[in-house]
PDB file of N, CA and C in Angstrom:
ATOM      1  N   UNK A   1     -85.248 -17.881 -17.011  1.00  0.00           N
ATOM      2  CA  UNK A   1     -85.380 -16.929 -15.928  1.00  0.00           C
ATOM      3  C   UNK A   1     -86.849 -16.544 -15.779  1.00  0.00           C
ATOM      4  N   UNK A   2     -87.229 -16.223 -14.579  1.00  0.00           N
ATOM      5  CA  UNK A   2     -88.592 -15.823 -14.264  1.00  0.00           C
ATOM      6  C   UNK A   2     -88.979 -14.587 -15.086  1.00  0.00           C
ATOM      7  N   UNK A   3     -90.124 -14.609 -15.771  1.00  0.00           N
ATOM      8  CA  UNK A   3     -90.553 -13.461 -16.587  1.00  0.00           C
ATOM      9  C   UNK A   3     -90.731 -12.184 -15.780  1.00  0.00           C
ATOM     10  N   UNK A   4     -91.108 -12.313 -14.519  1.00  0.00           N
ATOM     11  CA  UNK A   4     -91.278 -11.124 -13.675  1.00  0.00           C
ATOM     12  C   UNK A   4     -89.936 -10.442 -13.425  1.00  0.00           C
ATOM     13  N   UNK A   5     -88.909 -11.241 -13.193  1.00  0.00           N
ATOM     14  CA  UNK A   5     -87.577 -10.672 -12.976  1.00  0.00           C
ATOM     15  C   UNK A   5     -87.099 -10.002 -14.251  1.00  0.00           C
ATOM     16  N   UNK A   6     -87.281 -10.665 -15.383  1.00  0.00           N
ATOM     17  CA  UNK A   6     -86.832 -10.092 -16.654  1.00  0.00           C
ATOM     18  C   UNK A   6     -87.590  -8.796 -16.946  1.00  0.00           C
ATOM     19  N   UNK A   7     -88.856  -8.724 -16.619  1.00  0.00           N
ATOM     20  CA  UNK A   7     -89.642  -7.514 -16.862  1.00  0.00           C
ATOM     21  C   UNK A   7     -89.142  -6.342 -16.018  1.00  0.00           C
ATOM     22  N   UNK A   8     -88.597  -6.630 -14.842  1.00  0.00           N
ATOM     23  CA  UNK A   8     -88.077  -5.572 -13.973  1.00  0.00           C
ATOM     24  C   UNK A   8     -86.849  -4.907 -14.574  1.00  0.00           C
ATOM     25  N   UNK A   9     -86.211  -5.564 -15.525  1.00  0.00           N
ATOM     26  CA  UNK A   9     -85.002  -5.010 -16.137  1.00  0.00           C
ATOM     27  C   UNK A   9     -85.294  -3.831 -17.050  1.00  0.00           C
ATOM     28  N   UNK A  10     -86.529  -3.632 -17.424  1.00  0.00           N
ATOM     29  CA  UNK A  10     -86.862  -2.581 -18.372  1.00  0.00           C
ATOM     30  C   UNK A  10     -86.376  -1.223 -17.873  1.00  0.00           C
ATOM     31  N   UNK A  11     -86.473  -0.979 -16.590  1.00  0.00           N
ATOM     32  CA  UNK A  11     -86.104   0.323 -16.026  1.00  0.00           C
ATOM     33  C   UNK A  11     -84.643   0.398 -15.603  1.00  0.00           C
ATOM     34  N   UNK A  12     -83.912  -0.676 -15.673  1.00  0.00           N
ATOM     35  CA  UNK A  12     -82.525  -0.695 -15.227  1.00  0.00           C
ATOM     36  C   UNK A  12     -81.579  -0.305 -16.343  1.00  0.00           C
ATOM     37  N   UNK A  13     -80.428   0.206 -15.961  1.00  0.00           N
ATOM     38  CA  UNK A  13     -79.380   0.455 -16.944  1.00  0.00           C
ATOM     39  C   UNK A  13     -78.735  -0.874 -17.301  1.00  0.00           C
ATOM     40  N   UNK A  14     -77.968  -0.881 -18.374  1.00  0.00           N
ATOM     41  CA  UNK A  14     -77.296  -2.104 -18.800  1.00  0.00           C
ATOM     42  C   UNK A  14     -76.343  -2.607 -17.728  1.00  0.00           C
ATOM     43  N   UNK A  15     -75.668  -1.690 -17.028  1.00  0.00           N
ATOM     44  CA  UNK A  15     -74.747  -2.108 -15.973  1.00  0.00           C
ATOM     45  C   UNK A  15     -75.482  -2.785 -14.829  1.00  0.00           C
ATOM     46  N   UNK A  16     -76.623  -2.243 -14.438  1.00  0.00           N
ATOM     47  CA  UNK A  16     -77.408  -2.850 -13.356  1.00  0.00           C
ATOM     48  C   UNK A  16     -77.919  -4.222 -13.777  1.00  0.00           C
ATOM     49  N   UNK A  17     -78.378  -4.314 -15.014  1.00  0.00           N
ATOM     50  CA  UNK A  17     -78.869  -5.588 -15.519  1.00  0.00           C
ATOM     51  C   UNK A  17     -77.746  -6.618 -15.519  1.00  0.00           C
ATOM     52  N   UNK A  18     -76.601  -6.220 -16.041  1.00  0.00           N
ATOM     53  CA  UNK A  18     -75.470  -7.146 -16.123  1.00  0.00           C
ATOM     54  C   UNK A  18     -75.033  -7.592 -14.739  1.00  0.00           C
ATOM     55  N   UNK A  19     -74.945  -6.657 -13.809  1.00  0.00           N
ATOM     56  CA  UNK A  19     -74.512  -7.009 -12.457  1.00  0.00           C
ATOM     57  C   UNK A  19     -75.488  -7.982 -11.807  1.00  0.00           C
ATOM     58  N   UNK A  20     -76.773  -7.726 -11.934  1.00  0.00           N
ATOM     59  CA  UNK A  20     -77.774  -8.620 -11.351  1.00  0.00           C
ATOM     60  C   UNK A  20     -77.709  -9.998 -12.005  1.00  0.00           C
ATOM     61  N   UNK A  21     -77.598 -10.045 -13.323  1.00  0.00           N
ATOM     62  CA  UNK A  21     -77.513 -11.331 -14.006  1.00  0.00           C
ATOM     63  C   UNK A  21     -76.241 -12.088 -13.633  1.00  0.00           C
ATOM     64  N   UNK A  22     -75.132 -11.368 -13.485  1.00  0.00           N
ATOM     65  CA  UNK A  22     -73.892 -12.019 -13.065  1.00  0.00           C
ATOM     66  C   UNK A  22     -74.021 -12.591 -11.655  1.00  0.00           C
ATOM     67  N   UNK A  23     -74.676 -11.845 -10.774  1.00  0.00           N
ATOM     68  CA  UNK A  23     -74.888 -12.345  -9.411  1.00  0.00           C
ATOM     69  C   UNK A  23     -75.762 -13.595  -9.438  1.00  0.00           C
ATOM     70  N   UNK A  24     -76.804 -13.575 -10.256  1.00  0.00           N
ATOM     71  CA  UNK A  24     -77.693 -14.735 -10.342  1.00  0.00           C
ATOM     72  C   UNK A  24     -77.000 -15.943 -10.959  1.00  0.00           C
ATOM     73  N   UNK A  25     -76.051 -15.706 -11.847  1.00  0.00           N
ATOM     74  CA  UNK A  25     -75.322 -16.788 -12.511  1.00  0.00           C
ATOM     75  C   UNK A  25     -74.126 -17.283 -11.701  1.00  0.00           C
ATOM     76  N   UNK A  26     -73.691 -16.519 -10.717  1.00  0.00           N
ATOM     77  CA  UNK A  26     -72.458 -16.829  -9.986  1.00  0.00           C
ATOM     78  C   UNK A  26     -72.598 -18.075  -9.110  1.00  0.00           C
ATOM     79  N   UNK A  27     -71.487 -18.780  -9.009  1.00  0.00           N
ATOM     80  CA  UNK A  27     -71.415 -19.926  -8.094  1.00  0.00           C
ATOM     81  C   UNK A  27     -71.202 -19.408  -6.683  1.00  0.00           C
ATOM     82  N   UNK A  28     -71.135 -20.303  -5.727  1.00  0.00           N
ATOM     83  CA  UNK A  28     -70.908 -19.908  -4.338  1.00  0.00           C
ATOM     84  C   UNK A  28     -69.581 -19.177  -4.164  1.00  0.00           C
ATOM     85  N   UNK A  29     -68.624 -19.478  -5.025  1.00  0.00           N
ATOM     86  CA  UNK A  29     -67.304 -18.843  -4.950  1.00  0.00           C
ATOM     87  C   UNK A  29     -67.295 -17.445  -5.541  1.00  0.00           C
ATOM     88  N   UNK A  30     -68.380 -17.072  -6.217  1.00  0.00           N
ATOM     89  CA  UNK A  30     -68.448 -15.773  -6.852  1.00  0.00           C
ATOM     90  C   UNK A  30     -68.051 -15.797  -8.314  1.00  0.00           C
ATOM     91  N   UNK A  31     -67.582 -16.932  -8.785  1.00  0.00           N
ATOM     92  CA  UNK A  31     -67.171 -17.043 -10.189  1.00  0.00           C
ATOM     93  C   UNK A  31     -68.374 -17.350 -11.069  1.00  0.00           C
ATOM     94  N   UNK A  32     -68.310 -16.841 -12.287  1.00  0.00           N
ATOM     95  CA  UNK A  32     -69.365 -17.066 -13.266  1.00  0.00           C
ATOM     96  C   UNK A  32     -68.809 -17.955 -14.366  1.00  0.00           C
ATOM     97  N   UNK A  33     -69.548 -18.989 -14.710  1.00  0.00           N
ATOM     98  CA  UNK A  33     -69.114 -19.863 -15.796  1.00  0.00           C
ATOM     99  C   UNK A  33     -69.240 -19.097 -17.102  1.00  0.00           C
ATOM    100  N   UNK A  34     -68.165 -19.067 -17.856  1.00  0.00           N
ATOM    101  CA  UNK A  34     -68.152 -18.322 -19.100  1.00  0.00           C
ATOM    102  C   UNK A  34     -68.769 -19.136 -20.227  1.00  0.00           C
ATOM    103  N   UNK A  35     -69.275 -18.429 -21.225  1.00  0.00           N
ATOM    104  CA  UNK A  35     -69.914 -19.099 -22.347  1.00  0.00           C
ATOM    105  C   UNK A  35     -68.891 -19.879 -23.152  1.00  0.00           C
ATOM    106  N   UNK A  36     -69.339 -20.958 -23.741  1.00  0.00           N
ATOM    107  CA  UNK A  36     -68.460 -21.784 -24.549  1.00  0.00           C
ATOM    108  C   UNK A  36     -68.548 -21.414 -26.016  1.00  0.00           C
ATOM    109  N   UNK A  37     -67.812 -22.151 -26.819  1.00  0.00           N
ATOM    110  CA  UNK A  37     -67.854 -21.948 -28.262  1.00  0.00           C
ATOM    111  C   UNK A  37     -66.927 -20.847 -28.725  1.00  0.00           C
ATOM    112  N   UNK A  38     -67.051 -20.543 -30.009  1.00  0.00           N
ATOM    113  CA  UNK A  38     -66.203 -19.510 -30.609  1.00  0.00           C
ATOM    114  C   UNK A  38     -66.662 -18.128 -30.148  1.00  0.00           C
ATOM    115  N   UNK A  39     -65.688 -17.294 -29.805  1.00  0.00           N
ATOM    116  CA  UNK A  39     -65.989 -15.922 -29.397  1.00  0.00           C
ATOM    117  C   UNK A  39     -65.076 -14.976 -30.170  1.00  0.00           C
ATOM    118  N   UNK A  40     -65.450 -13.708 -30.177  1.00  0.00           N
ATOM    119  CA  UNK A  40     -64.640 -12.675 -30.804  1.00  0.00           C
ATOM    120  C   UNK A  40     -63.352 -12.537 -29.999  1.00  0.00           C
ATOM    121  N   UNK A  41     -62.231 -12.929 -30.595  1.00  0.00           N
ATOM    122  CA  UNK A  41     -60.964 -12.928 -29.858  1.00  0.00           C
ATOM    123  C   UNK A  41     -60.514 -11.522 -29.490  1.00  0.00           C
ATOM    124  N   UNK A  42     -60.974 -10.535 -30.223  1.00  0.00           N
ATOM    125  CA  UNK A  42     -60.628  -9.150 -29.894  1.00  0.00           C
ATOM    126  C   UNK A  42     -61.280  -8.718 -28.584  1.00  0.00           C
ATOM    127  N   UNK A  43     -62.453  -9.229 -28.320  1.00  0.00           N
ATOM    128  CA  UNK A  43     -63.206  -8.808 -27.134  1.00  0.00           C
ATOM    129  C   UNK A  43     -63.032  -9.767 -25.953  1.00  0.00           C
ATOM    130  N   UNK A  44     -62.928 -11.046 -26.227  1.00  0.00           N
ATOM    131  CA  UNK A  44     -62.695 -12.019 -25.168  1.00  0.00           C
ATOM    132  C   UNK A  44     -63.950 -12.720 -24.697  1.00  0.00           C
ATOM    133  N   UNK A  45     -63.711 -13.819 -23.975  1.00  0.00           N
ATOM    134  CA  UNK A  45     -64.802 -14.670 -23.500  1.00  0.00           C
ATOM    135  C   UNK A  45     -65.633 -13.995 -22.414  1.00  0.00           C
ATOM    136  N   UNK A  46     -65.018 -13.191 -21.555  1.00  0.00           N
ATOM    137  CA  UNK A  46     -65.778 -12.514 -20.495  1.00  0.00           C
ATOM    138  C   UNK A  46     -66.794 -11.544 -21.093  1.00  0.00           C
ATOM    139  N   UNK A  47     -66.369 -10.785 -22.098  1.00  0.00           N
ATOM    140  CA  UNK A  47     -67.282  -9.848 -22.758  1.00  0.00           C
ATOM    141  C   UNK A  47     -68.389 -10.610 -23.487  1.00  0.00           C
ATOM    142  N   UNK A  48     -68.044 -11.742 -24.093  1.00  0.00           N
ATOM    143  CA  UNK A  48     -69.044 -12.557 -24.779  1.00  0.00           C
ATOM    144  C   UNK A  48     -70.061 -13.116 -23.786  1.00  0.00           C
ATOM    145  N   UNK A  49     -69.603 -13.479 -22.598  1.00  0.00           N
ATOM    146  CA  UNK A  49     -70.505 -13.998 -21.574  1.00  0.00           C
ATOM    147  C   UNK A  49     -71.488 -12.926 -21.122  1.00  0.00           C
ATOM    148  N   UNK A  50     -70.993 -11.719 -20.865  1.00  0.00           N
ATOM    149  CA  UNK A  50     -71.869 -10.608 -20.472  1.00  0.00           C
ATOM    150  C   UNK A  50     -72.850 -10.302 -21.598  1.00  0.00           C
ATOM    151  N   UNK A  51     -72.366 -10.313 -22.831  1.00  0.00           N
ATOM    152  CA  UNK A  51     -73.233 -10.058 -23.976  1.00  0.00           C
ATOM    153  C   UNK A  51     -74.338 -11.112 -24.077  1.00  0.00           C
ATOM    154  N   UNK A  52     -73.983 -12.372 -23.849  1.00  0.00           N
ATOM    155  CA  UNK A  52     -74.983 -13.440 -23.887  1.00  0.00           C
ATOM    156  C   UNK A  52     -76.043 -13.229 -22.807  1.00  0.00           C
ATOM    157  N   UNK A  53     -75.614 -12.853 -21.610  1.00  0.00           N
ATOM    158  CA  UNK A  53     -76.562 -12.626 -20.521  1.00  0.00           C
ATOM    159  C   UNK A  53     -77.499 -11.461 -20.823  1.00  0.00           C
ATOM    160  N   UNK A  54     -76.954 -10.412 -21.451  1.00  0.00           N
ATOM    161  CA  UNK A  54     -77.757  -9.231 -21.746  1.00  0.00           C
ATOM    162  C   UNK A  54     -78.518  -9.333 -23.061  1.00  0.00           C
ATOM    163  N   UNK A  55     -78.120 -10.287 -23.903  1.00  0.00           N
ATOM    164  CA  UNK A  55     -78.748 -10.412 -25.202  1.00  0.00           C
ATOM    165  C   UNK A  55     -78.327  -9.302 -26.150  1.00  0.00           C
ATOM    166  N   UNK A  56     -77.060  -8.911 -26.082  1.00  0.00           N
ATOM    167  CA  UNK A  56     -76.566  -7.831 -26.936  1.00  0.00           C
ATOM    168  C   UNK A  56     -75.310  -8.291 -27.676  1.00  0.00           C
ATOM    169  N   UNK A  57     -74.667  -7.389 -28.386  1.00  0.00           N
ATOM    170  CA  UNK A  57     -73.457  -7.726 -29.128  1.00  0.00           C
ATOM    171  C   UNK A  57     -72.265  -7.837 -28.185  1.00  0.00           C
ATOM    172  N   UNK A  58     -71.212  -8.489 -28.666  1.00  0.00           N
ATOM    173  CA  UNK A  58     -69.987  -8.607 -27.870  1.00  0.00           C
ATOM    174  C   UNK A  58     -69.379  -7.240 -27.598  1.00  0.00           C
ATOM    175  N   UNK A  59     -69.503  -6.337 -28.543  1.00  0.00           N
ATOM    176  CA  UNK A  59     -68.985  -4.982 -28.370  1.00  0.00           C
ATOM    177  C   UNK A  59     -69.691  -4.273 -27.206  1.00  0.00           C
ATOM    178  N   UNK A  60     -71.006  -4.364 -27.176  1.00  0.00           N
ATOM    179  CA  UNK A  60     -71.771  -3.756 -26.085  1.00  0.00           C
ATOM    180  C   UNK A  60     -71.474  -4.460 -24.763  1.00  0.00           C
ATOM    181  N   UNK A  61     -71.345  -5.781 -24.804  1.00  0.00           N
ATOM    182  CA  UNK A  61     -71.002  -6.528 -23.596  1.00  0.00           C
ATOM    183  C   UNK A  61     -69.659  -6.114 -23.038  1.00  0.00           C
ATOM    184  N   UNK A  62     -68.704  -5.853 -23.922  1.00  0.00           N
ATOM    185  CA  UNK A  62     -67.380  -5.411 -23.483  1.00  0.00           C
ATOM    186  C   UNK A  62     -67.444  -4.043 -22.812  1.00  0.00           C
ATOM    187  N   UNK A  63     -68.223  -3.136 -23.388  1.00  0.00           N
ATOM    188  CA  UNK A  63     -68.346  -1.801 -22.787  1.00  0.00           C
ATOM    189  C   UNK A  63     -68.986  -1.880 -21.395  1.00  0.00           C
ATOM    190  N   UNK A  64     -70.011  -2.701 -21.261  1.00  0.00           N
ATOM    191  CA  UNK A  64     -70.657  -2.873 -19.951  1.00  0.00           C
ATOM    192  C   UNK A  64     -69.675  -3.485 -18.960  1.00  0.00           C
ATOM    193  N   UNK A  65     -68.952  -4.508 -19.381  1.00  0.00           N
ATOM    194  CA  UNK A  65     -67.982  -5.161 -18.510  1.00  0.00           C
ATOM    195  C   UNK A  65     -66.904  -4.187 -18.069  1.00  0.00           C
ATOM    196  N   UNK A  66     -66.420  -3.357 -18.975  1.00  0.00           N
ATOM    197  CA  UNK A  66     -65.392  -2.372 -18.616  1.00  0.00           C
ATOM    198  C   UNK A  66     -65.917  -1.368 -17.601  1.00  0.00           C
ATOM    199  N   UNK A  67     -67.178  -0.941 -17.745  1.00  0.00           N
ATOM    200  CA  UNK A  67     -67.757  -0.014 -16.763  1.00  0.00           C
ATOM    201  C   UNK A  67     -67.871  -0.661 -15.391  1.00  0.00           C
ATOM    202  N   UNK A  68     -68.255  -1.939 -15.358  1.00  0.00           N
ATOM    203  CA  UNK A  68     -68.343  -2.651 -14.080  1.00  0.00           C
ATOM    204  C   UNK A  68     -66.959  -2.810 -13.461  1.00  0.00           C
ATOM    205  N   UNK A  69     -65.956  -3.067 -14.270  1.00  0.00           N
ATOM    206  CA  UNK A  69     -64.585  -3.179 -13.763  1.00  0.00           C
ATOM    207  C   UNK A  69     -64.084  -1.836 -13.248  1.00  0.00           C
ATOM    208  N   UNK A  70     -64.389  -0.757 -13.964  1.00  0.00           N
ATOM    209  CA  UNK A  70     -63.959   0.581 -13.540  1.00  0.00           C
ATOM    210  C   UNK A  70     -64.520   0.945 -12.172  1.00  0.00           C
ATOM    211  N   UNK A  71     -65.679   0.417 -11.851  1.00  0.00           N
ATOM    212  CA  UNK A  71     -66.320   0.696 -10.553  1.00  0.00           C
ATOM    213  C   UNK A  71     -65.980  -0.368  -9.503  1.00  0.00           C
ATOM    214  N   UNK A  72     -65.048  -1.259  -9.851  1.00  0.00           N
ATOM    215  CA  UNK A  72     -64.622  -2.352  -8.960  1.00  0.00           C
ATOM    216  C   UNK A  72     -65.783  -3.238  -8.517  1.00  0.00           C
ATOM    217  N   UNK A  73     -66.754  -3.437  -9.415  1.00  0.00           N
ATOM    218  CA  UNK A  73     -67.888  -4.308  -9.120  1.00  0.00           C
ATOM    219  C   UNK A  73     -67.640  -5.729  -9.595  1.00  0.00           C
ATOM    220  N   UNK A  74     -66.812  -5.881 -10.601  1.00  0.00           N
ATOM    221  CA  UNK A  74     -66.411  -7.202 -11.078  1.00  0.00           C
ATOM    222  C   UNK A  74     -64.903  -7.190 -11.302  1.00  0.00           C
ATOM    223  N   UNK A  75     -64.343  -8.382 -11.301  1.00  0.00           N
ATOM    224  CA  UNK A  75     -62.917  -8.521 -11.559  1.00  0.00           C
ATOM    225  C   UNK A  75     -62.735  -9.593 -12.615  1.00  0.00           C
ATOM    226  N   UNK A  76     -62.043  -9.220 -13.667  1.00  0.00           N
ATOM    227  CA  UNK A  76     -61.749 -10.163 -14.751  1.00  0.00           C
ATOM    228  C   UNK A  76     -60.357 -10.730 -14.473  1.00  0.00           C
ATOM    229  N   UNK A  77     -60.299 -12.022 -14.195  1.00  0.00           N
ATOM    230  CA  UNK A  77     -59.027 -12.676 -13.911  1.00  0.00           C
ATOM    231  C   UNK A  77     -58.392 -13.054 -15.232  1.00  0.00           C
ATOM    232  N   UNK A  78     -57.205 -12.550 -15.462  1.00  0.00           N
ATOM    233  CA  UNK A  78     -56.484 -12.851 -16.705  1.00  0.00           C
ATOM    234  C   UNK A  78     -55.317 -13.753 -16.368  1.00  0.00           C
ATOM    235  N   UNK A  79     -55.377 -14.965 -16.870  1.00  0.00           N
ATOM    236  CA  UNK A  79     -54.330 -15.941 -16.615  1.00  0.00           C
ATOM    237  C   UNK A  79     -53.274 -15.871 -17.711  1.00  0.00           C
ATOM    238  N   UNK A  80     -52.109 -16.386 -17.390  1.00  0.00           N
ATOM    239  CA  UNK A  80     -51.046 -16.423 -18.382  1.00  0.00           C
ATOM    240  C   UNK A  80     -51.375 -17.477 -19.442  1.00  0.00           C
ATOM    241  N   UNK A  81     -51.050 -17.194 -20.669  1.00  0.00           N
ATOM    242  CA  UNK A  81     -51.330 -18.109 -21.766  1.00  0.00           C
ATOM    243  C   UNK A  81     -50.284 -19.217 -21.819  1.00  0.00           C
ATOM    244  N   UNK A  82     -50.542 -20.243 -22.597  1.00  0.00           N
ATOM    245  CA  UNK A  82     -49.623 -21.360 -22.733  1.00  0.00           C
ATOM    246  C   UNK A  82     -48.285 -20.919 -23.313  1.00  0.00           C
ATOM    247  N   UNK A  83     -48.299 -19.874 -24.137  1.00  0.00           N
ATOM    248  CA  UNK A  83     -47.056 -19.396 -24.746  1.00  0.00           C
ATOM    249  C   UNK A  83     -46.222 -18.586 -23.766  1.00  0.00           C
ATOM    250  N   UNK A  84     -46.795 -18.277 -22.599  1.00  0.00           N
ATOM    251  CA  UNK A  84     -46.063 -17.500 -21.597  1.00  0.00           C
ATOM    252  C   UNK A  84     -46.300 -15.998 -21.723  1.00  0.00           C
ATOM    253  N   UNK A  85     -47.033 -15.596 -22.740  1.00  0.00           N
ATOM    254  CA  UNK A  85     -47.332 -14.169 -22.909  1.00  0.00           C
ATOM    255  C   UNK A  85     -48.474 -13.781 -21.990  1.00  0.00           C
ATOM    256  N   UNK A  86     -48.427 -12.585 -21.490  1.00  0.00           N
ATOM    257  CA  UNK A  86     -49.499 -12.100 -20.628  1.00  0.00           C
ATOM    258  C   UNK A  86     -50.762 -11.939 -21.448  1.00  0.00           C
ATOM    259  N   UNK A  87     -51.888 -12.213 -20.846  1.00  0.00           N
ATOM    260  CA  UNK A  87     -53.170 -12.132 -21.521  1.00  0.00           C
ATOM    261  C   UNK A  87     -53.827 -10.794 -21.162  1.00  0.00           C
ATOM    262  N   UNK A  88     -53.204  -9.697 -21.596  1.00  0.00           N
ATOM    263  CA  UNK A  88     -53.739  -8.352 -21.316  1.00  0.00           C
ATOM    264  C   UNK A  88     -53.787  -7.564 -22.610  1.00  0.00           C
ATOM    265  N   UNK A  89     -54.574  -6.536 -22.585  1.00  0.00           N
ATOM    266  CA  UNK A  89     -54.678  -5.682 -23.778  1.00  0.00           C
ATOM    267  C   UNK A  89     -53.753  -4.504 -23.648  1.00  0.00           C
ATOM    268  N   UNK A  90     -53.217  -4.099 -24.777  1.00  0.00           N
ATOM    269  CA  UNK A  90     -52.306  -2.950 -24.784  1.00  0.00           C
ATOM    270  C   UNK A  90     -52.937  -1.691 -25.204  1.00  0.00           C
TER     271      UNK A  90
END
């Protein structure tokens, strides 16, 4: 990423940074390719992706993602698992 853009993040909140990075990473359809590899199953791949973009822990990435979801700025699509169980948190 351009160093000038990254330097502008200093004054932004984590939510603003995450939203801007997600927009920059998004495809034309609005979807963001999620990070690969092993992730914390408690937090999920979406939180790990946000954490990777922000350079923070999965826990912090999850909190940022939840705040963005609460404001209807992002939508986490949860698909049904192969076992037929819903992929939601209780």
